């Protein structure tokens, strides 16, 4: 995660919280120095027992929301520095981009900073 020109005032570690398909996972904590590098994979699995038509699955994913939050471990509960929300279909299957790179391994998203992150 990059945030050019920003130095964090608080030095507590950060992690990325991810909520997809009704499941919540978080990364390991990293030092509070940009750029942040999360060198891990989060696995989300879900079976859709009553779905037989792929079009129905697409509709279901469009009504679900994927949420990512960048959180700093500031007591007592942590502080959300930035968030990203998108329907799960577009998050999992983004439109093709004109940039080069291996599909699925590199993604660019723009997180929205929270009011407390100046």
C-alpha atoms as a PDB file:
ATOM      1  CA  UNK A   1       0.000   0.000   0.000  1.00  0.00           C
ATOM      2  CA  UNK A   2       1.422   3.333  -0.979  1.00  0.00           C
ATOM      3  CA  UNK A   3       0.642   6.781   0.345  1.00  0.00           C
ATOM      4  CA  UNK A   4       3.243   9.123  -1.195  1.00  0.00           C
ATOM      5  CA  UNK A   5       4.573  11.861   1.064  1.00  0.00           C
ATOM      6  CA  UNK A   6       2.827  10.587   4.208  1.00  0.00           C
ATOM      7  CA  UNK A   7       4.588   9.827   7.462  1.00  0.00           C
ATOM      8  CA  UNK A   8       2.414   8.293  10.160  1.00  0.00           C
ATOM      9  CA  UNK A   9       2.428  10.206  13.435  1.00  0.00           C
ATOM     10  CA  UNK A  10       1.505   7.114  15.452  1.00  0.00           C
ATOM     11  CA  UNK A  11       4.053   4.305  15.207  1.00  0.00           C
ATOM     12  CA  UNK A  12       1.796   1.359  16.101  1.00  0.00           C
ATOM     13  CA  UNK A  13       1.616  -1.428  13.512  1.00  0.00           C
ATOM     14  CA  UNK A  14      -1.038  -1.726  10.801  1.00  0.00           C
ATOM     15  CA  UNK A  15      -2.994  -4.553   9.205  1.00  0.00           C
ATOM     16  CA  UNK A  16      -5.457  -4.990   6.380  1.00  0.00           C
ATOM     17  CA  UNK A  17      -8.931  -6.235   7.295  1.00  0.00           C
ATOM     18  CA  UNK A  18     -10.881  -7.969   4.500  1.00  0.00           C
ATOM     19  CA  UNK A  19     -14.590  -8.885   4.487  1.00  0.00           C
ATOM     20  CA  UNK A  20     -15.709 -10.917   1.450  1.00  0.00           C
ATOM     21  CA  UNK A  21     -18.546 -13.430   0.964  1.00  0.00           C
ATOM     22  CA  UNK A  22     -19.648 -13.059   4.572  1.00  0.00           C
ATOM     23  CA  UNK A  23     -16.180 -13.977   5.864  1.00  0.00           C
ATOM     24  CA  UNK A  24     -13.733 -11.771   7.744  1.00  0.00           C
ATOM     25  CA  UNK A  25      -9.963 -12.202   7.659  1.00  0.00           C
ATOM     26  CA  UNK A  26      -7.010  -9.984   8.426  1.00  0.00           C
ATOM     27  CA  UNK A  27      -3.364  -9.854   7.496  1.00  0.00           C
ATOM     28  CA  UNK A  28      -0.405 -10.017   9.836  1.00  0.00           C
ATOM     29  CA  UNK A  29       0.682  -6.656  11.237  1.00  0.00           C
ATOM     30  CA  UNK A  30       3.356  -4.609   9.485  1.00  0.00           C
ATOM     31  CA  UNK A  31       5.436  -1.615  10.655  1.00  0.00           C
ATOM     32  CA  UNK A  32       3.886   1.849  10.280  1.00  0.00           C
ATOM     33  CA  UNK A  33       6.118   2.981   7.389  1.00  0.00           C
ATOM     34  CA  UNK A  34       4.884   3.518   3.833  1.00  0.00           C
ATOM     35  CA  UNK A  35       4.944   1.696   1.514  1.00  0.00           C
ATOM     36  CA  UNK A  36       3.288  -1.180   3.405  1.00  0.00           C
ATOM     37  CA  UNK A  37       4.013  -4.701   2.176  1.00  0.00           C
ATOM     38  CA  UNK A  38       1.623  -7.542   2.984  1.00  0.00           C
ATOM     39  CA  UNK A  39       3.345 -10.713   1.792  1.00  0.00           C
ATOM     40  CA  UNK A  40       0.559 -13.223   2.364  1.00  0.00           C
ATOM     41  CA  UNK A  41      -2.536 -14.739   0.822  1.00  0.00           C
ATOM     42  CA  UNK A  42      -5.993 -14.748   2.322  1.00  0.00           C
ATOM     43  CA  UNK A  43      -8.208 -17.622   1.188  1.00  0.00           C
ATOM     44  CA  UNK A  44     -11.990 -17.215   1.033  1.00  0.00           C
ATOM     45  CA  UNK A  45     -14.146 -20.201   0.119  1.00  0.00           C
ATOM     46  CA  UNK A  46     -17.904 -20.370  -0.200  1.00  0.00           C
ATOM     47  CA  UNK A  47     -20.285 -22.955  -1.647  1.00  0.00           C
ATOM     48  CA  UNK A  48     -23.515 -21.752  -3.219  1.00  0.00           C
ATOM     49  CA  UNK A  49     -25.658 -24.873  -2.849  1.00  0.00           C
ATOM     50  CA  UNK A  50     -28.856 -23.574  -4.470  1.00  0.00           C
ATOM     51  CA  UNK A  51     -27.268 -21.796  -7.431  1.00  0.00           C
ATOM     52  CA  UNK A  52     -27.302 -23.660 -10.751  1.00  0.00           C
ATOM     53  CA  UNK A  53     -27.359 -20.780 -13.248  1.00  0.00           C
ATOM     54  CA  UNK A  54     -24.130 -18.729 -13.490  1.00  0.00           C
ATOM     55  CA  UNK A  55     -26.274 -15.635 -14.092  1.00  0.00           C
ATOM     56  CA  UNK A  56     -27.869 -16.119 -10.675  1.00  0.00           C
ATOM     57  CA  UNK A  57     -24.413 -16.287  -9.092  1.00  0.00           C
ATOM     58  CA  UNK A  58     -23.444 -13.042 -10.834  1.00  0.00           C
ATOM     59  CA  UNK A  59     -26.537 -11.326  -9.421  1.00  0.00           C
ATOM     60  CA  UNK A  60     -25.814 -12.657  -5.947  1.00  0.00           C
ATOM     61  CA  UNK A  61     -22.225 -11.365  -6.095  1.00  0.00           C
ATOM     62  CA  UNK A  62     -23.434  -7.955  -7.292  1.00  0.00           C
ATOM     63  CA  UNK A  63     -25.607  -7.614  -4.172  1.00  0.00           C
ATOM     64  CA  UNK A  64     -22.764  -8.646  -1.828  1.00  0.00           C
ATOM     65  CA  UNK A  65     -20.197  -6.060  -0.738  1.00  0.00           C
ATOM     66  CA  UNK A  66     -16.448  -6.583  -0.353  1.00  0.00           C
ATOM     67  CA  UNK A  67     -14.860  -4.315   2.261  1.00  0.00           C
ATOM     68  CA  UNK A  68     -11.157  -3.673   2.886  1.00  0.00           C
ATOM     69  CA  UNK A  69      -9.932  -1.528   5.777  1.00  0.00           C
ATOM     70  CA  UNK A  70      -6.449  -0.354   6.660  1.00  0.00           C
ATOM     71  CA  UNK A  71      -6.325  -0.362  10.461  1.00  0.00           C
ATOM     72  CA  UNK A  72      -3.665   0.921  12.830  1.00  0.00           C
ATOM     73  CA  UNK A  73      -3.414  -0.692  16.270  1.00  0.00           C
ATOM     74  CA  UNK A  74      -4.076   2.430  18.309  1.00  0.00           C
ATOM     75  CA  UNK A  75      -5.706   1.497  21.662  1.00  0.00           C
ATOM     76  CA  UNK A  76      -8.343   0.795  22.730  1.00  0.00           C
ATOM     77  CA  UNK A  77      -9.808  -0.716  19.504  1.00  0.00           C
ATOM     78  CA  UNK A  78      -7.652   0.431  16.597  1.00  0.00           C
ATOM     79  CA  UNK A  79      -8.138   3.256  14.127  1.00  0.00           C
ATOM     80  CA  UNK A  80      -9.406   2.819  10.562  1.00  0.00           C
ATOM     81  CA  UNK A  81      -7.158   4.898   8.306  1.00  0.00           C
ATOM     82  CA  UNK A  82      -8.705   4.021   4.930  1.00  0.00           C
ATOM     83  CA  UNK A  83     -11.483   1.892   3.451  1.00  0.00           C
ATOM     84  CA  UNK A  84     -12.470   0.386   0.136  1.00  0.00           C
ATOM     85  CA  UNK A  85     -15.938  -0.937  -0.702  1.00  0.00           C
ATOM     86  CA  UNK A  86     -17.169  -2.481  -3.934  1.00  0.00           C
ATOM     87  CA  UNK A  87     -19.686  -5.103  -4.963  1.00  0.00           C
ATOM     88  CA  UNK A  88     -18.089  -8.533  -4.695  1.00  0.00           C
ATOM     89  CA  UNK A  89     -18.484  -9.332  -8.395  1.00  0.00           C
ATOM     90  CA  UNK A  90     -16.454  -6.310  -9.511  1.00  0.00           C
ATOM     91  CA  UNK A  91     -13.916  -6.870  -6.739  1.00  0.00           C
ATOM     92  CA  UNK A  92     -13.314 -10.527  -7.633  1.00  0.00           C
ATOM     93  CA  UNK A  93     -13.564 -10.071 -11.409  1.00  0.00           C
ATOM     94  CA  UNK A  94     -12.316  -6.580 -12.291  1.00  0.00           C
ATOM     95  CA  UNK A  95     -12.615  -5.255 -15.819  1.00  0.00           C
ATOM     96  CA  UNK A  96      -9.516  -5.867 -17.936  1.00  0.00           C
ATOM     97  CA  UNK A  97      -7.054  -2.989 -17.829  1.00  0.00           C
ATOM     98  CA  UNK A  98      -4.818  -1.754 -20.617  1.00  0.00           C
ATOM     99  CA  UNK A  99      -1.735  -2.045 -18.408  1.00  0.00           C
ATOM    100  CA  UNK A 100       0.604  -5.001 -18.606  1.00  0.00           C
ATOM    101  CA  UNK A 101       1.002  -7.491 -15.797  1.00  0.00           C
ATOM    102  CA  UNK A 102      -0.166 -10.912 -14.834  1.00  0.00           C
ATOM    103  CA  UNK A 103      -3.901 -10.933 -14.352  1.00  0.00           C
ATOM    104  CA  UNK A 104      -5.004 -11.398 -10.764  1.00  0.00           C
ATOM    105  CA  UNK A 105      -1.605 -10.972  -9.137  1.00  0.00           C
ATOM    106  CA  UNK A 106      -1.405  -7.195  -9.256  1.00  0.00           C
ATOM    107  CA  UNK A 107      -4.349  -4.962  -8.525  1.00  0.00           C
ATOM    108  CA  UNK A 108      -4.672  -1.247  -8.091  1.00  0.00           C
ATOM    109  CA  UNK A 109      -7.505   0.070  -5.992  1.00  0.00           C
ATOM    110  CA  UNK A 110      -8.008   3.497  -4.497  1.00  0.00           C
ATOM    111  CA  UNK A 111      -8.912   3.447  -0.829  1.00  0.00           C
ATOM    112  CA  UNK A 112     -10.895   6.296   0.696  1.00  0.00           C
ATOM    113  CA  UNK A 113      -9.160   7.865   3.668  1.00  0.00           C
ATOM    114  CA  UNK A 114     -11.116   8.147   6.885  1.00  0.00           C
ATOM    115  CA  UNK A 115     -11.688  11.591   8.449  1.00  0.00           C
ATOM    116  CA  UNK A 116      -9.266  10.776  11.289  1.00  0.00           C
ATOM    117  CA  UNK A 117      -6.405  10.118   8.824  1.00  0.00           C
ATOM    118  CA  UNK A 118      -5.089  13.566   7.952  1.00  0.00           C
END
